[in-house]
């Protein structure tokens, strides 16, 4: 197998357009998360809305994990201009500790959907788990949190690799979260967040052993101790 043939093909809007045609929808929200596995910082959910008239995604759009930080930062403003609408929602480390990561992802996703000018007809999620829908758990979030009436959700495994809308959402989720971690790094340089973005890099783990957790760490997780 050659290097070019082993490289994933560029995602397209083919599946998104099929969903729009099959259900007669006028809009479809494509969503993906970033920061689920980090030790510190928020989890973020990016949402990109596409319609039947949305043109092909900007050249170079891929799952954010396949792109360098520099390339993601170049593509993010292009994605924002291209999308019919977009938003990013976040849940903090403290909310992750209080609610658990899946419920925190739900909260972040609802915050992103609430920030859109209009709710879409359907949401396309990467993976095989619908973490947005269970509205019967609304009491979990307390009286101060307003959850949206989530449209029907479609899940698709590897949608971030195959669906341009989901790949674009992953870029927005990742760059927005990276910006948060870089800002937090200015006050907590010992953890190396500007480089590792809160993930379990060796220097981050060693800093936790030396300094203990910051207010932005997920202390309910199994963190190294001093």
Protein backbone atom coordinates (compact mmCIF):
# COMPACT_ATOMS: atom_id res chain seq x y z
CA UNK A 1 0.00 0.00 0.00
CA UNK A 2 1.38 3.39 -0.95
CA UNK A 3 1.46 6.39 1.39
CA UNK A 4 -1.22 8.16 -0.66
CA UNK A 5 -3.57 5.16 -0.68
CA UNK A 6 -3.28 4.72 3.11
CA UNK A 7 -4.26 8.34 3.77
CA UNK A 8 -7.97 8.76 4.62
CA UNK A 9 -10.00 10.30 1.82
CA UNK A 10 -11.41 13.77 2.37
CA UNK A 11 -14.81 13.85 4.09
CA UNK A 12 -17.76 15.01 2.03
CA UNK A 13 -21.32 16.24 2.57
CA UNK A 14 -22.78 13.18 0.85
CA UNK A 15 -24.27 11.66 4.00
CA UNK A 16 -25.50 15.00 5.32
CA UNK A 17 -27.28 15.65 2.02
CA UNK A 18 -28.82 12.18 2.11
CA UNK A 19 -30.24 12.90 5.57
CA UNK A 20 -31.63 16.23 4.41
CA UNK A 21 -33.28 14.70 1.34
CA UNK A 22 -34.64 11.60 3.10
CA UNK A 23 -36.45 13.50 5.81
CA UNK A 24 -37.30 16.71 3.99
CA UNK A 25 -35.31 18.73 6.51
CA UNK A 26 -34.24 22.30 5.91
CA UNK A 27 -31.24 22.15 8.25
CA UNK A 28 -28.97 19.60 9.89
CA UNK A 29 -26.63 20.17 12.82
CA UNK A 30 -23.36 18.22 12.74
CA UNK A 31 -21.69 17.86 16.14
CA UNK A 32 -18.47 16.57 17.64
CA UNK A 33 -16.69 16.91 20.99
CA UNK A 34 -13.15 17.67 22.12
CA UNK A 35 -11.47 17.16 25.47
CA UNK A 36 -13.34 14.08 26.64
CA UNK A 37 -10.14 12.30 27.67
CA UNK A 38 -8.21 15.26 29.07
CA UNK A 39 -7.21 15.52 32.73
CA UNK A 40 -7.89 19.23 33.00
CA UNK A 41 -9.95 21.92 31.37
CA UNK A 42 -13.43 21.80 29.88
CA UNK A 43 -15.05 19.41 27.46
CA UNK A 44 -16.35 21.19 24.35
CA UNK A 45 -18.94 20.35 21.72
CA UNK A 46 -18.84 22.04 18.34
CA UNK A 47 -21.91 22.32 16.12
CA UNK A 48 -21.97 23.19 12.42
CA UNK A 49 -25.29 23.62 10.62
CA UNK A 50 -25.61 22.65 6.96
CA UNK A 51 -28.57 23.02 4.60
CA UNK A 52 -29.40 21.70 1.15
CA UNK A 53 -27.74 24.77 -0.35
CA UNK A 54 -24.50 24.47 1.65
CA UNK A 55 -21.53 24.17 -0.67
CA UNK A 56 -18.63 21.76 -0.24
CA UNK A 57 -16.54 22.32 2.87
CA UNK A 58 -13.37 24.42 2.70
CA UNK A 59 -10.44 22.53 1.25
CA UNK A 60 -8.45 20.74 3.91
CA UNK A 61 -11.28 20.13 6.38
CA UNK A 62 -10.56 16.87 8.19
CA UNK A 63 -11.14 15.36 11.60
CA UNK A 64 -9.29 17.72 13.93
CA UNK A 65 -7.10 14.88 15.23
CA UNK A 66 -5.56 14.53 11.77
CA UNK A 67 -4.57 18.20 11.55
CA UNK A 68 -1.75 20.18 13.09
CA UNK A 69 -2.63 22.98 15.49
CA UNK A 70 -1.54 25.53 12.91
CA UNK A 71 -3.75 24.00 10.22
CA UNK A 72 -6.76 23.83 12.56
CA UNK A 73 -6.33 27.51 13.40
CA UNK A 74 -6.19 28.36 9.69
CA UNK A 75 -9.34 26.36 8.95
CA UNK A 76 -11.49 27.47 11.90
CA UNK A 77 -12.41 30.94 10.53
CA UNK A 78 -13.05 29.40 7.10
CA UNK A 79 -15.44 26.91 8.70
CA UNK A 80 -17.25 29.68 10.56
CA UNK A 81 -17.75 31.64 7.31
CA UNK A 82 -18.83 28.52 5.40
CA UNK A 83 -21.37 27.09 7.85
CA UNK A 84 -25.01 28.15 7.71
CA UNK A 85 -24.66 28.58 11.49
CA UNK A 86 -22.25 27.35 14.14
CA UNK A 87 -21.66 27.31 17.88
CA UNK A 88 -19.43 25.80 20.54
CA UNK A 89 -20.60 24.86 24.02
CA UNK A 90 -18.46 23.86 26.99
CA UNK A 91 -18.74 22.24 30.38
CA UNK A 92 -16.08 23.03 32.98
CA UNK A 93 -13.85 20.66 34.91
CA UNK A 94 -15.96 21.35 38.01
CA UNK A 95 -19.11 20.38 36.09
CA UNK A 96 -17.41 17.23 34.85
CA UNK A 97 -16.54 16.35 38.46
CA UNK A 98 -20.10 17.02 39.58
CA UNK A 99 -22.02 15.40 36.72
CA UNK A 100 -19.66 12.86 35.13
CA UNK A 101 -18.16 13.18 31.67
CA UNK A 102 -21.15 11.95 29.63
CA UNK A 103 -23.63 14.27 31.34
CA UNK A 104 -21.10 17.11 31.02
CA UNK A 105 -20.87 16.43 27.29
CA UNK A 106 -24.65 16.60 27.16
CA UNK A 107 -24.58 19.94 28.96
CA UNK A 108 -21.93 21.30 26.57
CA UNK A 109 -23.94 20.07 23.58
CA UNK A 110 -27.12 21.72 24.85
CA UNK A 111 -25.24 24.97 25.37
CA UNK A 112 -24.01 24.81 21.78
CA UNK A 113 -27.50 24.08 20.40
CA UNK A 114 -28.98 26.88 22.52
CA UNK A 115 -26.49 29.33 20.99
CA UNK A 116 -27.70 28.66 17.43
CA UNK A 117 -30.12 31.17 15.91
CA UNK A 118 -32.61 28.33 15.23
CA UNK A 119 -32.74 24.71 16.30
CA UNK A 120 -31.99 22.35 13.38
CA UNK A 121 -34.29 19.56 12.26
CA UNK A 122 -31.85 16.79 13.18
CA UNK A 123 -28.45 16.42 14.84
CA UNK A 124 -25.73 14.17 13.38
CA UNK A 125 -23.33 12.96 16.08
CA UNK A 126 -19.99 11.24 15.67
CA UNK A 127 -19.80 7.78 17.25
CA UNK A 128 -22.49 5.33 18.30
CA UNK A 129 -23.75 6.98 21.50
CA UNK A 130 -26.40 9.69 21.65
CA UNK A 131 -25.25 11.73 24.64
CA UNK A 132 -27.61 14.63 23.85
CA UNK A 133 -31.11 13.20 24.06
CA UNK A 134 -31.99 11.84 27.54
CA UNK A 135 -34.17 14.77 28.60
CA UNK A 136 -35.58 12.73 31.49
CA UNK A 137 -32.32 13.47 33.31
CA UNK A 138 -32.86 17.25 33.21
CA UNK A 139 -33.09 17.35 37.01
CA UNK A 140 -29.47 16.21 37.15
CA UNK A 141 -28.35 19.69 36.09
CA UNK A 142 -30.24 21.74 38.64
CA UNK A 143 -32.78 24.53 38.27
CA UNK A 144 -30.34 27.07 36.84
CA UNK A 145 -29.55 25.01 33.72
CA UNK A 146 -31.94 25.27 30.79
CA UNK A 147 -31.82 22.33 28.38
CA UNK A 148 -33.06 22.68 24.82
CA UNK A 149 -35.66 20.47 23.21
CA UNK A 150 -33.17 18.32 21.30
CA UNK A 151 -34.18 17.42 17.74
CA UNK A 152 -33.94 13.79 16.61
CA UNK A 153 -30.35 12.55 16.79
CA UNK A 154 -28.58 10.34 14.26
CA UNK A 155 -25.28 8.72 15.26
CA UNK A 156 -22.65 7.50 12.82
CA UNK A 157 -19.39 5.76 13.64
CA UNK A 158 -16.38 7.60 12.20
CA UNK A 159 -18.55 10.48 11.05
CA UNK A 160 -15.63 12.78 11.88
CA UNK A 161 -13.65 11.00 9.15
CA UNK A 162 -16.42 10.67 6.55
CA UNK A 163 -18.78 13.61 7.04
CA UNK A 164 -17.47 17.08 6.28
CA UNK A 165 -19.97 18.77 8.59
CA UNK A 166 -18.87 16.68 11.55
CA UNK A 167 -15.19 17.14 10.71
CA UNK A 168 -15.77 20.91 10.57
CA UNK A 169 -17.52 20.77 13.96
CA UNK A 170 -14.54 18.88 15.39
CA UNK A 171 -12.23 21.69 14.26
CA UNK A 172 -14.36 24.32 16.01
CA UNK A 173 -14.63 22.25 19.19
CA UNK A 174 -10.89 21.60 19.29
CA UNK A 175 -9.68 25.13 18.50
CA UNK A 176 -12.10 26.72 20.99
CA UNK A 177 -10.96 24.37 23.73
CA UNK A 178 -7.29 24.85 22.83
CA UNK A 179 -7.76 28.60 23.19
CA UNK A 180 -9.12 28.09 26.71
CA UNK A 181 -6.19 25.88 27.69
CA UNK A 182 -3.64 28.34 26.32
CA UNK A 183 -5.24 31.17 28.33
CA UNK A 184 -5.26 29.04 31.49
CA UNK A 185 -1.62 28.13 30.91
CA UNK A 186 -0.61 31.74 31.47
CA UNK A 187 -1.63 31.42 35.13
CA UNK A 188 -0.51 27.79 35.54
CA UNK A 189 2.59 27.36 33.35
CA UNK A 190 3.86 24.45 35.44
CA UNK A 191 1.43 22.01 33.77
CA UNK A 192 2.46 22.71 30.18
CA UNK A 193 -1.10 23.25 29.01
CA UNK A 194 -0.06 25.47 26.11
CA UNK A 195 1.50 22.36 24.57
CA UNK A 196 -0.41 19.37 25.99
CA UNK A 197 -3.84 21.07 26.23
CA UNK A 198 -4.58 19.25 29.48
CA UNK A 199 -3.99 15.71 28.26
CA UNK A 200 -1.82 13.14 30.05
CA UNK A 201 1.54 14.10 28.56
CA UNK A 202 4.60 13.10 30.65
CA UNK A 203 5.37 16.67 31.74
CA UNK A 204 1.77 17.18 32.80
CA UNK A 205 1.77 14.00 34.87
CA UNK A 206 5.04 14.95 36.53
CA UNK A 207 3.72 18.44 37.33
CA UNK A 208 0.70 16.89 39.00
CA UNK A 209 2.97 14.75 41.15
CA UNK A 210 5.03 17.79 42.12
CA UNK A 211 2.33 20.46 42.54
CA UNK A 212 -0.96 18.60 42.87
CA UNK A 213 -4.11 19.56 40.94
CA UNK A 214 -5.15 23.09 40.01
CA UNK A 215 -8.73 24.40 40.21
CA UNK A 216 -9.07 23.41 36.55
CA UNK A 217 -8.23 19.73 36.98
CA UNK A 218 -10.85 17.01 37.00
CA UNK A 219 -10.21 15.92 40.55
CA UNK A 220 -12.77 13.11 40.42
CA UNK A 221 -10.46 11.36 37.95
CA UNK A 222 -7.47 9.19 38.86
CA UNK A 223 -4.83 11.90 38.88
CA UNK A 224 -1.22 11.37 40.02
CA UNK A 225 -0.72 12.45 43.62
CA UNK A 226 2.17 14.07 45.44
